PDB file of N, CA and C in Angstrom:
ATOM      1  N   MET A   1       0.818  -1.193   0.000  1.00  0.00           N
ATOM      2  CA  MET A   1       0.000   0.000   0.000  1.00  0.00           C
ATOM      3  C   MET A   1       0.864   1.260   0.000  1.00  0.00           C
ATOM      4  N   ARG A   2       1.926   1.221   0.789  1.00  0.00           N
ATOM      5  CA  ARG A   2       2.804   2.395   0.817  1.00  0.00           C
ATOM      6  C   ARG A   2       3.386   2.660  -0.568  1.00  0.00           C
ATOM      7  N   GLN A   3       3.660   1.602  -1.300  1.00  0.00           N
ATOM      8  CA  GLN A   3       4.201   1.718  -2.650  1.00  0.00           C
ATOM      9  C   GLN A   3       3.291   2.559  -3.539  1.00  0.00           C
ATOM     10  N   TYR A   4       1.992   2.511  -3.290  1.00  0.00           N
ATOM     11  CA  TYR A   4       1.032   3.251  -4.103  1.00  0.00           C
ATOM     12  C   TYR A   4       0.536   4.527  -3.432  1.00  0.00           C
ATOM     13  N   GLY A   5       1.206   4.925  -2.363  1.00  0.00           N
ATOM     14  CA  GLY A   5       0.865   6.188  -1.706  1.00  0.00           C
ATOM     15  C   GLY A   5      -0.378   6.136  -0.827  1.00  0.00           C
ATOM     16  N   ILE A   6      -0.792   4.947  -0.433  1.00  0.00           N
ATOM     17  CA  ILE A   6      -1.957   4.800   0.445  1.00  0.00           C
ATOM     18  C   ILE A   6      -1.475   4.850   1.890  1.00  0.00           C
ATOM     19  N   PRO A   7      -2.002   5.810   2.670  1.00  0.00           N
ATOM     20  CA  PRO A   7      -1.553   5.905   4.066  1.00  0.00           C
ATOM     21  C   PRO A   7      -1.984   4.671   4.863  1.00  0.00           C
ATOM     22  N   VAL A   8      -1.051   4.082   5.546  1.00  0.00           N
ATOM     23  CA  VAL A   8      -1.322   2.897   6.348  1.00  0.00           C
ATOM     24  C   VAL A   8      -0.573   3.011   7.666  1.00  0.00           C
ATOM     25  N   GLY A   9      -0.966   2.183   8.592  1.00  0.00           N
ATOM     26  CA  GLY A   9      -0.285   2.133   9.875  1.00  0.00           C
ATOM     27  C   GLY A   9      -0.351   0.731  10.437  1.00  0.00           C
ATOM     28  N   GLU A  10       0.437   0.508  11.443  1.00  0.00           N
ATOM     29  CA  GLU A  10       0.495  -0.788  12.100  1.00  0.00           C
ATOM     30  C   GLU A  10      -0.816  -1.050  12.841  1.00  0.00           C
ATOM     31  N   VAL A  11      -1.313  -2.266  12.749  1.00  0.00           N
ATOM     32  CA  VAL A  11      -2.485  -2.668  13.528  1.00  0.00           C
ATOM     33  C   VAL A  11      -1.968  -3.212  14.848  1.00  0.00           C
ATOM     34  N   ARG A  12      -2.408  -2.597  15.939  1.00  0.00           N
ATOM     35  CA  ARG A  12      -1.925  -2.973  17.271  1.00  0.00           C
ATOM     36  C   ARG A  12      -3.057  -3.510  18.126  1.00  0.00           C
ATOM     37  N   SER A  13      -2.673  -4.262  19.135  1.00  0.00           N
ATOM     38  CA  SER A  13      -3.646  -4.672  20.136  1.00  0.00           C
ATOM     39  C   SER A  13      -3.980  -3.437  20.978  1.00  0.00           C
ATOM     40  N   VAL A  14      -5.040  -3.502  21.746  1.00  0.00           N
ATOM     41  CA  VAL A  14      -5.413  -2.364  22.592  1.00  0.00           C
ATOM     42  C   VAL A  14      -4.285  -2.045  23.562  1.00  0.00           C
ATOM     43  N   GLY A  15      -3.754  -3.060  24.202  1.00  0.00           N
ATOM     44  CA  GLY A  15      -2.666  -2.840  25.159  1.00  0.00           C
ATOM     45  C   GLY A  15      -1.440  -2.216  24.523  1.00  0.00           C
ATOM     46  N   SER A  16      -1.100  -2.697  23.340  1.00  0.00           N
ATOM     47  CA  SER A  16       0.052  -2.160  22.620  1.00  0.00           C
ATOM     48  C   SER A  16      -0.194  -0.707  22.209  1.00  0.00           C
ATOM     49  N   ALA A  17      -1.392  -0.415  21.731  1.00  0.00           N
ATOM     50  CA  ALA A  17      -1.713   0.952  21.323  1.00  0.00           C
ATOM     51  C   ALA A  17      -1.656   1.908  22.510  1.00  0.00           C
ATOM     52  N   LEU A  18      -2.198   1.490  23.647  1.00  0.00           N
ATOM     53  CA  LEU A  18      -2.243   2.375  24.811  1.00  0.00           C
ATOM     54  C   LEU A  18      -0.890   2.557  25.477  1.00  0.00           C
ATOM     55  N   SER A  19       0.041   1.633  25.239  1.00  0.00           N
ATOM     56  CA  SER A  19       1.373   1.789  25.810  1.00  0.00           C
ATOM     57  C   SER A  19       2.384   2.290  24.776  1.00  0.00           C
ATOM     58  N   SER A  20       1.903   2.714  23.615  1.00  0.00           N
ATOM     59  CA  SER A  20       2.793   3.170  22.550  1.00  0.00           C
ATOM     60  C   SER A  20       3.380   4.549  22.846  1.00  0.00           C
ATOM     61  N   ALA A  21       4.439   4.873  22.138  1.00  0.00           N
ATOM     62  CA  ALA A  21       5.068   6.189  22.263  1.00  0.00           C
ATOM     63  C   ALA A  21       4.097   7.294  21.851  1.00  0.00           C
ATOM     64  N   GLU A  22       3.264   7.024  20.845  1.00  0.00           N
ATOM     65  CA  GLU A  22       2.303   8.029  20.384  1.00  0.00           C
ATOM     66  C   GLU A  22       1.260   8.323  21.469  1.00  0.00           C
ATOM     67  N   ALA A  23       0.748   7.282  22.111  1.00  0.00           N
ATOM     68  CA  ALA A  23      -0.239   7.472  23.180  1.00  0.00           C
ATOM     69  C   ALA A  23       0.377   8.225  24.346  1.00  0.00           C
ATOM     70  N   SER A  24       1.622   7.902  24.655  1.00  0.00           N
ATOM     71  CA  SER A  24       2.323   8.589  25.738  1.00  0.00           C
ATOM     72  C   SER A  24       2.537  10.067  25.409  1.00  0.00           C
ATOM     73  N   ALA A  25       2.966  10.352  24.194  1.00  0.00           N
ATOM     74  CA  ALA A  25       3.230  11.737  23.781  1.00  0.00           C
ATOM     75  C   ALA A  25       1.965  12.590  23.800  1.00  0.00           C
ATOM     76  N   ARG A  26       0.818  12.007  23.486  1.00  0.00           N
ATOM     77  CA  ARG A  26      -0.449  12.745  23.477  1.00  0.00           C
ATOM     78  C   ARG A  26      -1.134  12.746  24.839  1.00  0.00           C
ATOM     79  N   GLY A  27      -0.571  12.040  25.813  1.00  0.00           N
ATOM     80  CA  GLY A  27      -1.215  11.952  27.119  1.00  0.00           C
ATOM     81  C   GLY A  27      -2.563  11.260  27.020  1.00  0.00           C
ATOM     82  N   ALA A  28      -2.638  10.226  26.173  1.00  0.00           N
ATOM     83  CA  ALA A  28      -3.908   9.569  25.885  1.00  0.00           C
ATOM     84  C   ALA A  28      -4.414   8.696  27.024  1.00  0.00           C
ATOM     85  N   VAL A  29      -3.522   8.271  27.903  1.00  0.00           N
ATOM     86  CA  VAL A  29      -3.927   7.424  29.019  1.00  0.00           C
ATOM     87  C   VAL A  29      -3.732   8.210  30.316  1.00  0.00           C
ATOM     88  N   VAL A  30      -4.794   8.271  31.115  1.00  0.00           N
ATOM     89  CA  VAL A  30      -4.739   8.982  32.395  1.00  0.00           C
ATOM     90  C   VAL A  30      -5.184   8.029  33.501  1.00  0.00           C
ATOM     91  N   THR A  31      -4.937   8.419  34.728  1.00  0.00           N
ATOM     92  CA  THR A  31      -5.389   7.620  35.863  1.00  0.00           C
ATOM     93  C   THR A  31      -6.306   8.459  36.740  1.00  0.00           C
ATOM     94  N   ALA A  32      -7.208   7.772  37.407  1.00  0.00           N
ATOM     95  CA  ALA A  32      -8.111   8.417  38.352  1.00  0.00           C
ATOM     96  C   ALA A  32      -8.226   7.507  39.565  1.00  0.00           C
ATOM     97  N   ALA A  33      -8.383   8.112  40.722  1.00  0.00           N
ATOM     98  CA  ALA A  33      -8.497   7.337  41.954  1.00  0.00           C
ATOM     99  C   ALA A  33      -9.932   6.891  42.170  1.00  0.00           C
ATOM    100  N   SER A  34     -10.080   5.630  42.540  1.00  0.00           N
ATOM    101  CA  SER A  34     -11.381   5.070  42.897  1.00  0.00           C
ATOM    102  C   SER A  34     -11.292   4.578  44.328  1.00  0.00           C
ATOM    103  N   SER A  35     -12.288   4.911  45.139  1.00  0.00           N
ATOM    104  CA  SER A  35     -12.266   4.469  46.536  1.00  0.00           C
ATOM    105  C   SER A  35     -12.421   2.956  46.647  1.00  0.00           C
ATOM    106  N   VAL A  36     -12.927   2.318  45.617  1.00  0.00           N
ATOM    107  CA  VAL A  36     -13.150   0.876  45.635  1.00  0.00           C
ATOM    108  C   VAL A  36     -12.051   0.123  44.898  1.00  0.00           C
ATOM    109  N   MET A  37     -11.635   0.631  43.734  1.00  0.00           N
ATOM    110  CA  MET A  37     -10.721  -0.108  42.864  1.00  0.00           C
ATOM    111  C   MET A  37      -9.302   0.436  42.833  1.00  0.00           C
ATOM    112  N   GLY A  38      -9.012   1.461  43.600  1.00  0.00           N
ATOM    113  CA  GLY A  38      -7.675   2.051  43.581  1.00  0.00           C
ATOM    114  C   GLY A  38      -7.481   2.921  42.348  1.00  0.00           C
ATOM    115  N   GLU A  39      -6.291   2.905  41.780  1.00  0.00           N
ATOM    116  CA  GLU A  39      -6.002   3.691  40.577  1.00  0.00           C
ATOM    117  C   GLU A  39      -6.569   3.000  39.348  1.00  0.00           C
ATOM    118  N   ILE A  40      -7.322   3.738  38.554  1.00  0.00           N
ATOM    119  CA  ILE A  40      -7.903   3.203  37.326  1.00  0.00           C
ATOM    120  C   ILE A  40      -7.269   3.916  36.144  1.00  0.00           C
ATOM    121  N   ARG A  41      -6.728   3.149  35.211  1.00  0.00           N
ATOM    122  CA  ARG A  41      -6.196   3.718  33.968  1.00  0.00           C
ATOM    123  C   ARG A  41      -7.319   3.774  32.959  1.00  0.00           C
ATOM    124  N   MET A  42      -7.446   4.899  32.268  1.00  0.00           N
ATOM    125  CA  MET A  42      -8.486   5.016  31.256  1.00  0.00           C
ATOM    126  C   MET A  42      -8.031   5.947  30.140  1.00  0.00           C
ATOM    127  N   VAL A  43      -8.748   5.899  29.043  1.00  0.00           N
ATOM    128  CA  VAL A  43      -8.419   6.715  27.880  1.00  0.00           C
ATOM    129  C   VAL A  43      -8.949   8.132  28.090  1.00  0.00           C
ATOM    130  N   ARG A  44      -8.071   9.091  27.885  1.00  0.00           N
ATOM    131  CA  ARG A  44      -8.453  10.504  27.984  1.00  0.00           C
ATOM    132  C   ARG A  44      -9.176  10.918  26.703  1.00  0.00           C
ATOM    133  N   SER A  45     -10.077  11.854  26.812  1.00  0.00           N
ATOM    134  CA  SER A  45     -10.784  12.352  25.637  1.00  0.00           C
ATOM    135  C   SER A  45      -9.767  12.911  24.636  1.00  0.00           C
ATOM    136  N   PRO A  46      -9.934  12.611  23.364  1.00  0.00           N
ATOM    137  CA  PRO A  46      -9.014  13.141  22.360  1.00  0.00           C
ATOM    138  C   PRO A  46      -9.307  14.604  22.011  1.00  0.00           C
ATOM    139  N   LEU A  47     -10.422  15.134  22.487  1.00  0.00           N
ATOM    140  CA  LEU A  47     -10.800  16.508  22.146  1.00  0.00           C
ATOM    141  C   LEU A  47      -9.995  17.502  22.968  1.00  0.00           C
ATOM    142  N   ARG A  48      -9.436  18.470  22.291  1.00  0.00           N
ATOM    143  CA  ARG A  48      -8.659  19.534  22.944  1.00  0.00           C
ATOM    144  C   ARG A  48      -9.166  20.867  22.396  1.00  0.00           C
ATOM    145  N   PHE A  49      -9.661  21.715  23.270  1.00  0.00           N
ATOM    146  CA  PHE A  49     -10.173  23.021  22.852  1.00  0.00           C
ATOM    147  C   PHE A  49      -9.357  24.112  23.524  1.00  0.00           C
ATOM    148  N   SER A  50      -8.962  25.108  22.765  1.00  0.00           N
ATOM    149  CA  SER A  50      -8.108  26.156  23.315  1.00  0.00           C
ATOM    150  C   SER A  50      -8.817  26.989  24.372  1.00  0.00           C
ATOM    151  N   GLY A  51     -10.130  27.156  24.274  1.00  0.00           N
ATOM    152  CA  GLY A  51     -10.852  27.991  25.229  1.00  0.00           C
ATOM    153  C   GLY A  51     -11.484  27.231  26.377  1.00  0.00           C
ATOM    154  N   THR A  52     -11.274  25.930  26.439  1.00  0.00           N
ATOM    155  CA  THR A  52     -11.872  25.119  27.488  1.00  0.00           C
ATOM    156  C   THR A  52     -10.760  24.459  28.293  1.00  0.00           C
ATOM    157  N   PRO A  53     -10.713  24.729  29.593  1.00  0.00           N
ATOM    158  CA  PRO A  53      -9.640  24.125  30.394  1.00  0.00           C
ATOM    159  C   PRO A  53      -9.820  22.614  30.538  1.00  0.00           C
ATOM    160  N   VAL A  54      -8.700  21.935  30.662  1.00  0.00           N
ATOM    161  CA  VAL A  54      -8.709  20.493  30.874  1.00  0.00           C
ATOM    162  C   VAL A  54      -9.019  20.232  32.342  1.00  0.00           C
ATOM    163  N   THR A  55      -9.899  19.283  32.610  1.00  0.00           N
ATOM    164  CA  THR A  55     -10.211  18.928  33.988  1.00  0.00           C
ATOM    165  C   THR A  55      -9.589  17.582  34.323  1.00  0.00           C
ATOM    166  N   SER A  56      -9.311  17.380  35.584  1.00  0.00           N
ATOM    167  CA  SER A  56      -8.754  16.106  36.017  1.00  0.00           C
ATOM    168  C   SER A  56      -9.815  15.018  35.884  1.00  0.00           C
ATOM    169  N   PRO A  57      -9.404  13.838  35.478  1.00  0.00           N
ATOM    170  CA  PRO A  57     -10.381  12.764  35.312  1.00  0.00           C
ATOM    171  C   PRO A  57     -10.899  12.266  36.659  1.00  0.00           C
ATOM    172  N   ILE A  58     -12.100  11.735  36.641  1.00  0.00           N
ATOM    173  CA  ILE A  58     -12.647  11.078  37.822  1.00  0.00           C
ATOM    174  C   ILE A  58     -12.970   9.641  37.440  1.00  0.00           C
ATOM    175  N   ALA A  59     -12.968   8.773  38.414  1.00  0.00           N
ATOM    176  CA  ALA A  59     -13.258   7.364  38.160  1.00  0.00           C
ATOM    177  C   ALA A  59     -14.727   7.213  37.769  1.00  0.00           C
ATOM    178  N   PRO A  60     -15.023   6.257  36.907  1.00  0.00           N
ATOM    179  CA  PRO A  60     -16.419   6.014  36.557  1.00  0.00           C
ATOM    180  C   PRO A  60     -17.190   5.543  37.782  1.00  0.00           C
ATOM    181  N   PRO A  61     -18.483   5.820  37.823  1.00  0.00           N
ATOM    182  CA  PRO A  61     -19.262   5.407  38.996  1.00  0.00           C
ATOM    183  C   PRO A  61     -19.441   3.894  39.044  1.00  0.00           C
ATOM    184  N   MET A  62     -19.614   3.380  40.230  1.00  0.00           N
ATOM    185  CA  MET A  62     -19.950   1.968  40.403  1.00  0.00           C
ATOM    186  C   MET A  62     -21.396   1.769  39.972  1.00  0.00           C
ATOM    187  N   LEU A  63     -21.748   0.574  39.579  1.00  0.00           N
ATOM    188  CA  LEU A  63     -23.100   0.260  39.161  1.00  0.00           C
ATOM    189  C   LEU A  63     -24.072   0.575  40.307  1.00  0.00           C
ATOM    190  N   GLY A  64     -25.022   1.455  40.049  1.00  0.00           N
ATOM    191  CA  GLY A  64     -26.021   1.825  41.047  1.00  0.00           C
ATOM    192  C   GLY A  64     -25.590   2.933  41.995  1.00  0.00           C
ATOM    193  N   GLU A  65     -24.393   3.483  41.808  1.00  0.00           N
ATOM    194  CA  GLU A  65     -23.872   4.493  42.738  1.00  0.00           C
ATOM    195  C   GLU A  65     -24.744   5.745  42.795  1.00  0.00           C
ATOM    196  N   HIS A  66     -25.345   6.132  41.678  1.00  0.00           N
ATOM    197  CA  HIS A  66     -26.143   7.359  41.638  1.00  0.00           C
ATOM    198  C   HIS A  66     -27.643   7.105  41.531  1.00  0.00           C
ATOM    199  N   THR A  67     -28.054   5.864  41.720  1.00  0.00           N
ATOM    200  CA  THR A  67     -29.454   5.497  41.541  1.00  0.00           C
ATOM    201  C   THR A  67     -30.387   6.336  42.412  1.00  0.00           C
ATOM    202  N   VAL A  68     -30.126   6.389  43.692  1.00  0.00           N
ATOM    203  CA  VAL A  68     -31.011   7.109  44.609  1.00  0.00           C
ATOM    204  C   VAL A  68     -31.008   8.602  44.290  1.00  0.00           C
ATOM    205  N   HIS A  69     -29.859   9.156  43.976  1.00  0.00           N
ATOM    206  CA  HIS A  69     -29.789  10.575  43.626  1.00  0.00           C
ATOM    207  C   HIS A  69     -30.642  10.885  42.399  1.00  0.00           C
ATOM    208  N   VAL A  70     -30.510  10.070  41.355  1.00  0.00           N
ATOM    209  CA  VAL A  70     -31.273  10.307  40.127  1.00  0.00           C
ATOM    210  C   VAL A  70     -32.769  10.177  40.396  1.00  0.00           C
ATOM    211  N   LEU A  71     -33.155   9.159  41.122  1.00  0.00           N
ATOM    212  CA  LEU A  71     -34.581   8.969  41.393  1.00  0.00           C
ATOM    213  C   LEU A  71     -35.162  10.086  42.247  1.00  0.00           C
ATOM    214  N   SER A  72     -34.412  10.548  43.225  1.00  0.00           N
ATOM    215  CA  SER A  72     -34.951  11.580  44.119  1.00  0.00           C
ATOM    216  C   SER A  72     -34.788  12.990  43.563  1.00  0.00           C
ATOM    217  N   GLU A  73     -33.632  13.310  43.034  1.00  0.00           N
ATOM    218  CA  GLU A  73     -33.363  14.686  42.601  1.00  0.00           C
ATOM    219  C   GLU A  73     -33.804  14.973  41.177  1.00  0.00           C
ATOM    220  N   VAL A  74     -33.672  14.006  40.292  1.00  0.00           N
ATOM    221  CA  VAL A  74     -34.020  14.230  38.887  1.00  0.00           C
ATOM    222  C   VAL A  74     -35.471  13.857  38.626  1.00  0.00           C
ATOM    223  N   LEU A  75     -35.859  12.660  39.087  1.00  0.00           N
ATOM    224  CA  LEU A  75     -37.224  12.192  38.830  1.00  0.00           C
ATOM    225  C   LEU A  75     -38.211  12.588  39.925  1.00  0.00           C
ATOM    226  N   LYS A  76     -37.689  13.156  41.020  1.00  0.00           N
ATOM    227  CA  LYS A  76     -38.519  13.675  42.123  1.00  0.00           C
ATOM    228  C   LYS A  76     -39.381  12.607  42.791  1.00  0.00           C
ATOM    229  N   LEU A  77     -38.878  11.364  42.853  1.00  0.00           N
ATOM    230  CA  LEU A  77     -39.602  10.325  43.583  1.00  0.00           C
ATOM    231  C   LEU A  77     -39.370  10.522  45.073  1.00  0.00           C
ATOM    232  N   ASN A  78     -40.402  10.247  45.882  1.00  0.00           N
ATOM    233  CA  ASN A  78     -40.214  10.428  47.324  1.00  0.00           C
ATOM    234  C   ASN A  78     -39.495   9.223  47.921  1.00  0.00           C
ATOM    235  N   SER A  79     -39.012   9.384  49.129  1.00  0.00           N
ATOM    236  CA  SER A  79     -38.172   8.363  49.757  1.00  0.00           C
ATOM    237  C   SER A  79     -38.918   7.055  49.994  1.00  0.00           C
ATOM    238  N   ASP A  80     -40.232   7.116  50.224  1.00  0.00           N
ATOM    239  CA  ASP A  80     -41.005   5.875  50.410  1.00  0.00           C
ATOM    240  C   ASP A  80     -41.032   5.043  49.138  1.00  0.00           C
ATOM    241  N   VAL A  81     -41.226   5.676  47.992  1.00  0.00           N
ATOM    242  CA  VAL A  81     -41.244   4.965  46.711  1.00  0.00           C
ATOM    243  C   VAL A  81     -39.867   4.355  46.444  1.00  0.00           C
ATOM    244  N   ILE A  82     -38.838   5.130  46.694  1.00  0.00           N
ATOM    245  CA  ILE A  82     -37.476   4.633  46.480  1.00  0.00           C
ATOM    246  C   ILE A  82     -37.185   3.453  47.408  1.00  0.00           C
ATOM    247  N   ALA A  83     -37.602   3.557  48.660  1.00  0.00           N
ATOM    248  CA  ALA A  83     -37.402   2.462  49.621  1.00  0.00           C
ATOM    249  C   ALA A  83     -38.132   1.195  49.156  1.00  0.00           C
ATOM    250  N   ASP A  84     -39.344   1.347  48.624  1.00  0.00           N
ATOM    251  CA  ASP A  84     -40.082   0.196  48.105  1.00  0.00           C
ATOM    252  C   ASP A  84     -39.345  -0.435  46.924  1.00  0.00           C
ATOM    253  N   LEU A  85     -38.843   0.395  45.999  1.00  0.00           N
ATOM    254  CA  LEU A  85     -38.113  -0.113  44.838  1.00  0.00           C
ATOM    255  C   LEU A  85     -36.850  -0.865  45.263  1.00  0.00           C
ATOM    256  N   LEU A  86     -36.150  -0.317  46.254  1.00  0.00           N
ATOM    257  CA  LEU A  86     -34.957  -0.985  46.776  1.00  0.00           C
ATOM    258  C   LEU A  86     -35.340  -2.274  47.496  1.00  0.00           C
ATOM    259  N   GLY A  87     -36.398  -2.195  48.295  1.00  0.00           N
ATOM    260  CA  GLY A  87     -36.824  -3.342  49.096  1.00  0.00           C
ATOM    261  C   GLY A  87     -37.289  -4.532  48.276  1.00  0.00           C
ATOM    262  N   ASN A  88     -37.980  -4.276  47.170  1.00  0.00           N
ATOM    263  CA  ASN A  88     -38.475  -5.403  46.372  1.00  0.00           C
ATOM    264  C   ASN A  88     -37.497  -5.827  45.268  1.00  0.00           C
ATOM    265  N   GLY A  89     -36.319  -5.195  45.236  1.00  0.00           N
ATOM    266  CA  GLY A  89     -35.280  -5.600  44.290  1.00  0.00           C
ATOM    267  C   GLY A  89     -35.435  -5.055  42.883  1.00  0.00           C
ATOM    268  N   THR A  90     -36.366  -4.117  42.690  1.00  0.00           N
ATOM    269  CA  THR A  90     -36.534  -3.518  41.363  1.00  0.00           C
ATOM    270  C   THR A  90     -35.285  -2.734  40.968  1.00  0.00           C
ATOM    271  N   ILE A  91     -34.699  -2.049  41.936  1.00  0.00           N
ATOM    272  CA  ILE A  91     -33.467  -1.286  41.704  1.00  0.00           C
ATOM    273  C   ILE A  91     -32.433  -1.705  42.741  1.00  0.00           C
ATOM    274  N   ALA A  92     -31.196  -1.381  42.466  1.00  0.00           N
ATOM    275  CA  ALA A  92     -30.117  -1.613  43.431  1.00  0.00           C
ATOM    276  C   ALA A  92     -29.351  -0.318  43.577  1.00  0.00           C
ATOM    277  N   SER A  93     -28.759  -0.150  44.713  1.00  0.00           N
ATOM    278  CA  SER A  93     -27.976   1.052  44.961  1.00  0.00           C
ATOM    279  C   SER A  93     -26.653   0.658  45.562  1.00  0.00           C
ATOM    280  N   TYR A  94     -25.595   1.209  45.020  1.00  0.00           N
ATOM    281  CA  TYR A  94     -24.247   0.956  45.545  1.00  0.00           C
ATOM    282  C   TYR A  94     -23.847   2.161  46.366  1.00  0.00           C
ATOM    283  N   SER A  95     -23.356   1.921  47.556  1.00  0.00           N
ATOM    284  CA  SER A  95     -22.824   3.025  48.365  1.00  0.00           C
ATOM    285  C   SER A  95     -21.492   2.597  48.953  1.00  0.00           C
ATOM    286  N   THR A  96     -20.585   3.575  49.044  1.00  0.00           N
ATOM    287  CA  THR A  96     -19.246   3.263  49.556  1.00  0.00           C
ATOM    288  C   THR A  96     -19.222   3.371  51.058  1.00  0.00           C
TER     289      THR A  96
END
């Protein structure tokens, strides 16, 4: 392909790509602290905007970590309804 001027590149495994010199130079892999899992390595957003400051990454939430907040604050369900949903196993909530 290179002989005919077609741009090509090496096909890498995910691990190889994330540990490559190119990924390191672009700061593509960042770490965030998790109270449950310790340090988590993850891919940083490739978007870079000159007028928007970069923020430090945060660990992804645990499954169900924000369930009660979303139900009460966003959907405005009262605590009795939420307690019933938790009690009968319809929803689960993770808390640290």
